[in-house]
Amino acid sequence: MMNMKKSKRNRIFAAILAGLIILAMVIPMAMYAFG
């Protein structure tokens, strides 16, 4: 699936990317709910 030579860097990058996607989905919902 993924190249495992740079697994640590890839895992950090994937975690940051997933966090940004989650924030992009959660922030508008939170603003709609609390705003």
PDB file of N, CA and C in Angstrom:
ATOM      1  N   MET A   1       0.833  -1.182   0.000  1.00  0.00           N
ATOM      2  CA  MET A   1       0.000   0.000   0.000  1.00  0.00           C
ATOM      3  C   MET A   1       0.884   1.255   0.000  1.00  0.00           C
ATOM      4  N   MET A   2       1.604   1.459   1.115  1.00  0.00           N
ATOM      5  CA  MET A   2       2.467   2.625   1.228  1.00  0.00           C
ATOM      6  C   MET A   2       3.911   2.166   1.374  1.00  0.00           C
ATOM      7  N   ASN A   3       4.835   2.967   0.880  1.00  0.00           N
ATOM      8  CA  ASN A   3       6.254   2.642   1.026  1.00  0.00           C
ATOM      9  C   ASN A   3       6.663   2.799   2.480  1.00  0.00           C
ATOM     10  N   MET A   4       7.239   1.738   3.071  1.00  0.00           N
ATOM     11  CA  MET A   4       7.494   1.715   4.507  1.00  0.00           C
ATOM     12  C   MET A   4       8.901   2.188   4.872  1.00  0.00           C
ATOM     13  N   LYS A   5       9.678   2.668   3.889  1.00  0.00           N
ATOM     14  CA  LYS A   5      11.021   3.146   4.213  1.00  0.00           C
ATOM     15  C   LYS A   5      10.961   4.419   5.054  1.00  0.00           C
ATOM     16  N   LYS A   6      10.009   5.289   4.734  1.00  0.00           N
ATOM     17  CA  LYS A   6       9.855   6.535   5.479  1.00  0.00           C
ATOM     18  C   LYS A   6       8.554   6.495   6.261  1.00  0.00           C
ATOM     19  N   SER A   7       8.348   5.385   6.975  1.00  0.00           N
ATOM     20  CA  SER A   7       7.054   5.156   7.620  1.00  0.00           C
ATOM     21  C   SER A   7       6.773   6.202   8.685  1.00  0.00           C
ATOM     22  N   LYS A   8       7.821   6.603   9.430  1.00  0.00           N
ATOM     23  CA  LYS A   8       7.587   7.562  10.510  1.00  0.00           C
ATOM     24  C   LYS A   8       7.156   8.911   9.930  1.00  0.00           C
ATOM     25  N   ARG A   9       7.873   9.380   8.910  1.00  0.00           N
ATOM     26  CA  ARG A   9       7.522  10.658   8.289  1.00  0.00           C
ATOM     27  C   ARG A   9       6.151  10.574   7.630  1.00  0.00           C
ATOM     28  N   ASN A  10       5.890   9.454   6.951  1.00  0.00           N
ATOM     29  CA  ASN A  10       4.588   9.295   6.306  1.00  0.00           C
ATOM     30  C   ASN A  10       3.467   9.271   7.330  1.00  0.00           C
ATOM     31  N   ARG A  11       3.718   8.646   8.480  1.00  0.00           N
ATOM     32  CA  ARG A  11       2.682   8.563   9.513  1.00  0.00           C
ATOM     33  C   ARG A  11       2.399   9.951  10.093  1.00  0.00           C
ATOM     34  N   ILE A  12       3.470  10.737  10.323  1.00  0.00           N
ATOM     35  CA  ILE A  12       3.286  12.096  10.834  1.00  0.00           C
ATOM     36  C   ILE A  12       2.526  12.929   9.801  1.00  0.00           C
ATOM     37  N   PHE A  13       2.924  12.812   8.525  1.00  0.00           N
ATOM     38  CA  PHE A  13       2.267  13.580   7.472  1.00  0.00           C
ATOM     39  C   PHE A  13       0.801  13.189   7.346  1.00  0.00           C
ATOM     40  N   ALA A  14       0.521  11.893   7.427  1.00  0.00           N
ATOM     41  CA  ALA A  14      -0.864  11.428   7.342  1.00  0.00           C
ATOM     42  C   ALA A  14      -1.676  11.921   8.530  1.00  0.00           C
ATOM     43  N   ALA A  15      -1.064  11.943   9.717  1.00  0.00           N
ATOM     44  CA  ALA A  15      -1.773  12.423  10.901  1.00  0.00           C
ATOM     45  C   ALA A  15      -2.087  13.908  10.780  1.00  0.00           C
ATOM     46  N   ILE A  16      -1.125  14.699  10.286  1.00  0.00           N
ATOM     47  CA  ILE A  16      -1.363  16.130  10.100  1.00  0.00           C
ATOM     48  C   ILE A  16      -2.456  16.342   9.057  1.00  0.00           C
ATOM     49  N   LEU A  17      -2.391  15.599   7.959  1.00  0.00           N
ATOM     50  CA  LEU A  17      -3.383  15.744   6.901  1.00  0.00           C
ATOM     51  C   LEU A  17      -4.771  15.367   7.404  1.00  0.00           C
ATOM     52  N   ALA A  18      -4.867  14.266   8.153  1.00  0.00           N
ATOM     53  CA  ALA A  18      -6.158  13.854   8.708  1.00  0.00           C
ATOM     54  C   ALA A  18      -6.675  14.896   9.694  1.00  0.00           C
ATOM     55  N   GLY A  19      -5.775  15.459  10.506  1.00  0.00           N
ATOM     56  CA  GLY A  19      -6.185  16.493  11.449  1.00  0.00           C
ATOM     57  C   GLY A  19      -6.727  17.721  10.741  1.00  0.00           C
ATOM     58  N   LEU A  20      -6.077  18.117   9.646  1.00  0.00           N
ATOM     59  CA  LEU A  20      -6.561  19.278   8.901  1.00  0.00           C
ATOM     60  C   LEU A  20      -7.924  18.997   8.286  1.00  0.00           C
ATOM     61  N   ILE A  21      -8.124  17.789   7.762  1.00  0.00           N
ATOM     62  CA  ILE A  21      -9.417  17.435   7.173  1.00  0.00           C
ATOM     63  C   ILE A  21     -10.502  17.430   8.241  1.00  0.00           C
ATOM     64  N   ILE A  22     -10.191  16.863   9.413  1.00  0.00           N
ATOM     65  CA  ILE A  22     -11.171  16.829  10.504  1.00  0.00           C
ATOM     66  C   ILE A  22     -11.504  18.248  10.953  1.00  0.00           C
ATOM     67  N   LEU A  23     -10.483  19.114  11.093  1.00  0.00           N
ATOM     68  CA  LEU A  23     -10.735  20.501  11.478  1.00  0.00           C
ATOM     69  C   LEU A  23     -11.598  21.197  10.433  1.00  0.00           C
ATOM     70  N   ALA A  24     -11.319  20.956   9.156  1.00  0.00           N
ATOM     71  CA  ALA A  24     -12.079  21.597   8.091  1.00  0.00           C
ATOM     72  C   ALA A  24     -13.542  21.174   8.123  1.00  0.00           C
ATOM     73  N   MET A  25     -13.820  19.955   8.612  1.00  0.00           N
ATOM     74  CA  MET A  25     -15.208  19.506   8.714  1.00  0.00           C
ATOM     75  C   MET A  25     -15.850  19.970  10.012  1.00  0.00           C
ATOM     76  N   VAL A  26     -15.085  19.993  11.112  1.00  0.00           N
ATOM     77  CA  VAL A  26     -15.659  20.277  12.431  1.00  0.00           C
ATOM     78  C   VAL A  26     -15.876  21.773  12.648  1.00  0.00           C
ATOM     79  N   ILE A  27     -14.943  22.608  12.205  1.00  0.00           N
ATOM     80  CA  ILE A  27     -15.038  24.048  12.476  1.00  0.00           C
ATOM     81  C   ILE A  27     -16.316  24.659  11.893  1.00  0.00           C
ATOM     82  N   PRO A  28     -16.685  24.407  10.634  1.00  0.00           N
ATOM     83  CA  PRO A  28     -17.950  24.985  10.143  1.00  0.00           C
ATOM     84  C   PRO A  28     -19.168  24.474  10.903  1.00  0.00           C
ATOM     85  N   MET A  29     -19.160  23.204  11.320  1.00  0.00           N
ATOM     86  CA  MET A  29     -20.295  22.682  12.097  1.00  0.00           C
ATOM     87  C   MET A  29     -20.354  23.354  13.462  1.00  0.00           C
ATOM     88  N   ALA A  30     -19.191  23.564  14.090  1.00  0.00           N
ATOM     89  CA  ALA A  30     -19.164  24.224  15.394  1.00  0.00           C
ATOM     90  C   ALA A  30     -19.620  25.675  15.267  1.00  0.00           C
ATOM     91  N   MET A  31     -19.194  26.359  14.218  1.00  0.00           N
ATOM     92  CA  MET A  31     -19.615  27.743  14.013  1.00  0.00           C
ATOM     93  C   MET A  31     -21.115  27.808  13.746  1.00  0.00           C
ATOM     94  N   TYR A  32     -21.641  26.810  13.021  1.00  0.00           N
ATOM     95  CA  TYR A  32     -23.079  26.780  12.757  1.00  0.00           C
ATOM     96  C   TYR A  32     -23.857  26.470  14.029  1.00  0.00           C
ATOM     97  N   ALA A  33     -23.310  25.590  14.872  1.00  0.00           N
ATOM     98  CA  ALA A  33     -24.014  25.188  16.090  1.00  0.00           C
ATOM     99  C   ALA A  33     -23.970  26.292  17.144  1.00  0.00           C
ATOM    100  N   PHE A  34     -22.811  26.927  17.316  1.00  0.00           N
ATOM    101  CA  PHE A  34     -22.645  27.900  18.402  1.00  0.00           C
ATOM    102  C   PHE A  34     -22.820  29.339  17.930  1.00  0.00           C
ATOM    103  N   GLY A  35     -22.772  29.585  16.616  1.00  0.00           N
ATOM    104  CA  GLY A  35     -22.801  30.948  16.111  1.00  0.00           C
ATOM    105  C   GLY A  35     -24.191  31.526  16.033  1.00  0.00           C
TER     106      GLY A  35
END
